[in-house]
Protein backbone atom coordinates (compact mmCIF):
# COMPACT_ATOMS: atom_id res chain seq x y z
CA UNK A 1 165.29 9.36 47.76
CA UNK A 2 162.35 7.75 45.41
CA UNK A 3 159.86 9.59 45.79
CA UNK A 4 155.81 8.52 44.08
CA UNK A 5 152.89 10.78 44.20
CA UNK A 6 149.60 8.76 44.74
CA UNK A 7 146.60 10.59 43.59
CA UNK A 8 142.67 9.04 43.73
CA UNK A 9 139.47 10.09 43.00
CA UNK A 10 136.67 6.60 42.14
CA UNK A 11 135.75 3.90 43.54
CA UNK A 12 137.10 0.81 42.07
CA UNK A 13 138.09 -2.75 43.10
CA UNK A 14 140.37 -1.37 45.70
CA UNK A 15 137.27 0.52 47.48
CA UNK A 16 136.62 3.81 48.50
CA UNK A 17 139.53 6.61 47.07
CA UNK A 18 141.05 6.16 50.07
CA UNK A 19 140.83 2.81 50.16
CA UNK A 20 142.42 2.79 47.56
CA UNK A 21 145.69 4.61 48.34
CA UNK A 22 146.01 2.57 51.39
CA UNK A 23 146.49 -0.36 49.52
CA UNK A 24 149.04 1.15 46.59
CA UNK A 25 150.88 1.78 49.59
CA UNK A 26 150.54 -1.92 50.97
CA UNK A 27 151.23 -2.56 47.49
CA UNK A 28 154.46 0.17 47.27
CA UNK A 29 155.55 -2.53 51.32
CA UNK A 30 155.84 -4.92 49.06
CA UNK A 31 158.55 -7.57 47.62
CA UNK A 32 161.59 -4.96 46.18
CA UNK A 33 159.90 -2.31 47.41
CA UNK A 34 159.92 -0.69 51.07
CA UNK A 35 158.21 2.06 52.00
CA UNK A 36 159.69 5.01 54.34
CA UNK A 37 157.36 7.78 54.77
CA UNK A 38 154.35 8.61 53.96
CA UNK A 39 153.14 12.26 53.61
CA UNK A 40 148.71 12.46 55.48
CA UNK A 41 146.34 12.07 52.56
CA UNK A 42 144.77 15.63 51.28
CA UNK A 43 142.03 16.08 49.65
CA UNK A 44 142.62 18.88 46.40
CA UNK A 45 140.46 19.68 43.50
CA UNK A 46 141.05 17.96 40.04
CA UNK A 47 144.21 19.22 37.90
CA UNK A 48 143.68 19.70 34.19
CA UNK A 49 139.95 18.81 33.48
CA UNK A 50 137.98 20.29 36.85
CA UNK A 51 134.99 18.14 35.97
CA UNK A 52 135.17 15.46 38.50
CA UNK A 53 135.53 14.39 41.97
CA UNK A 54 138.42 15.60 44.24
CA UNK A 55 141.43 13.54 44.53
CA UNK A 56 142.72 12.01 47.54
CA UNK A 57 146.42 12.81 46.82
CA UNK A 58 149.91 11.94 49.04
CA UNK A 59 153.53 11.35 48.42
CA UNK A 60 155.38 7.87 49.33
CA UNK A 61 159.27 7.32 49.85
CA UNK A 62 160.09 4.29 49.08
CA UNK A 63 163.52 2.13 48.70
CA UNK A 64 164.37 -0.60 46.30
CA UNK A 65 167.19 -1.79 44.04
CA UNK A 66 164.83 -1.32 40.58
CA UNK A 67 165.91 0.86 38.48
CA UNK A 68 164.15 3.72 37.13
CA UNK A 69 161.85 2.11 34.66
CA UNK A 70 161.69 -0.81 36.08
CA UNK A 71 160.03 0.88 38.96
CA UNK A 72 158.03 2.57 36.27
CA UNK A 73 156.63 -0.54 35.40
CA UNK A 74 155.85 -1.55 38.67
CA UNK A 75 153.48 1.01 39.90
CA UNK A 76 151.65 1.05 35.98
CA UNK A 77 151.60 -2.51 37.37
CA UNK A 78 149.48 -1.77 40.46
CA UNK A 79 147.24 1.13 38.93
CA UNK A 80 146.04 -1.59 36.29
CA UNK A 81 145.29 -4.31 39.76
CA UNK A 82 143.57 -1.50 40.57
CA UNK A 83 141.48 -0.41 38.08
CA UNK A 84 142.41 2.26 36.06
CA UNK A 85 140.92 3.07 33.36
CA UNK A 86 143.32 4.95 30.59
CA UNK A 87 143.01 7.83 29.25
CA UNK A 88 141.29 10.41 29.17
CA UNK A 89 144.51 12.51 30.44
CA UNK A 90 143.81 14.57 34.04
CA UNK A 91 140.68 12.24 34.10
CA UNK A 92 139.11 10.58 37.02
CA UNK A 93 140.97 7.67 37.81
CA UNK A 94 141.71 4.65 40.77
CA UNK A 95 144.73 5.53 41.42
CA UNK A 96 147.12 7.43 39.65
CA UNK A 97 151.19 6.71 40.78
CA UNK A 98 154.51 9.36 39.85
CA UNK A 99 157.34 8.78 40.06
CA UNK A 100 158.68 12.25 41.22
CA UNK A 101 161.59 11.67 42.45
CA UNK A 102 165.03 8.75 42.21
CA UNK A 103 167.85 9.72 43.76
CA UNK A 104 168.18 13.18 42.17
CA UNK A 105 168.70 11.38 38.80
CA UNK A 106 167.55 13.82 35.51
CA UNK A 107 166.37 11.43 32.71
CA UNK A 108 164.38 13.27 29.82
CA UNK A 109 162.45 11.17 27.33
CA UNK A 110 163.98 10.55 23.89
CA UNK A 111 163.55 12.08 21.12
CA UNK A 112 159.72 14.26 21.71
CA UNK A 113 158.34 11.63 23.27
CA UNK A 114 154.98 12.63 25.44
CA UNK A 115 154.57 9.63 28.02
CA UNK A 116 157.85 8.51 28.59
CA UNK A 117 160.41 8.02 31.35
CA UNK A 118 160.85 11.78 32.96
CA UNK A 119 162.39 12.77 35.97
CA UNK A 120 162.20 14.35 37.97
CA UNK A 121 158.70 14.28 37.91
CA UNK A 122 158.10 17.67 35.31
CA UNK A 123 154.75 19.02 37.65
CA UNK A 124 155.84 18.04 40.58
CA UNK A 125 156.70 22.42 41.08
CA UNK A 126 152.98 23.92 40.24
CA UNK A 127 151.14 20.98 41.86
CA UNK A 128 150.42 21.93 45.17
CA UNK A 129 149.12 18.62 46.02
CA UNK A 130 152.27 17.20 45.23
CA UNK A 131 154.65 19.87 46.23
CA UNK A 132 152.81 20.27 50.35
CA UNK A 133 152.73 16.44 51.05
CA UNK A 134 156.14 16.21 49.62
CA UNK A 135 157.20 18.93 52.18
CA UNK A 136 155.85 16.51 55.04
CA UNK A 137 158.12 14.17 53.93
CA UNK A 138 160.97 15.15 52.73
CA UNK A 139 161.34 18.88 54.53
CA UNK A 140 164.98 19.01 52.98
CA UNK A 141 164.17 18.12 49.69
CA UNK A 142 165.40 20.14 46.10
CA UNK A 143 164.32 19.76 42.70
CA UNK A 144 167.47 18.17 41.53
CA UNK A 145 166.90 21.02 38.17
CA UNK A 146 166.31 23.82 40.03
CA UNK A 147 167.51 22.99 43.26
CA UNK A 148 163.67 24.84 44.26
CA UNK A 149 161.94 23.68 48.11
CA UNK A 150 158.89 21.33 47.78
CA UNK A 151 157.92 23.87 50.29
CA UNK A 152 157.87 27.71 48.46
CA UNK A 153 155.36 29.08 46.74
CA UNK A 154 153.80 26.88 44.16
CA UNK A 155 155.04 28.63 40.50
CA UNK A 156 152.34 29.02 37.41
CA UNK A 157 153.77 27.09 35.05
């Protein structure tokens, strides 16, 4: 199973945060990507930087023949097309697409890179705005390292 987290809290070229997520889902069903399932959109308080608008969040399951790094590049291209601004980390955005899991593959960044590909995504277990929607579309999903289910109580870092 390939899982993508979606979040947005700024209006941009694709419209409101909810409209941005809807358009991002269309983009996740184009070319070599096929959308298989989508959670409800939930509205949550920001993670990290608190002084910003609430986020619209969802999780999608897709299928693709693209390898993980090529898929991550495709997600970044979708973010750029939607007008995603650069830094700061955890700042406002339109949208944020995170590769959560790629068929249970475990990849750790080489040489201590901060922004390299890491699978599973390191924040899954600490973020209710990911775990809730993830449990909705993939109730049997288990974290590839800890084997925890998405529906369990959120762990504190």
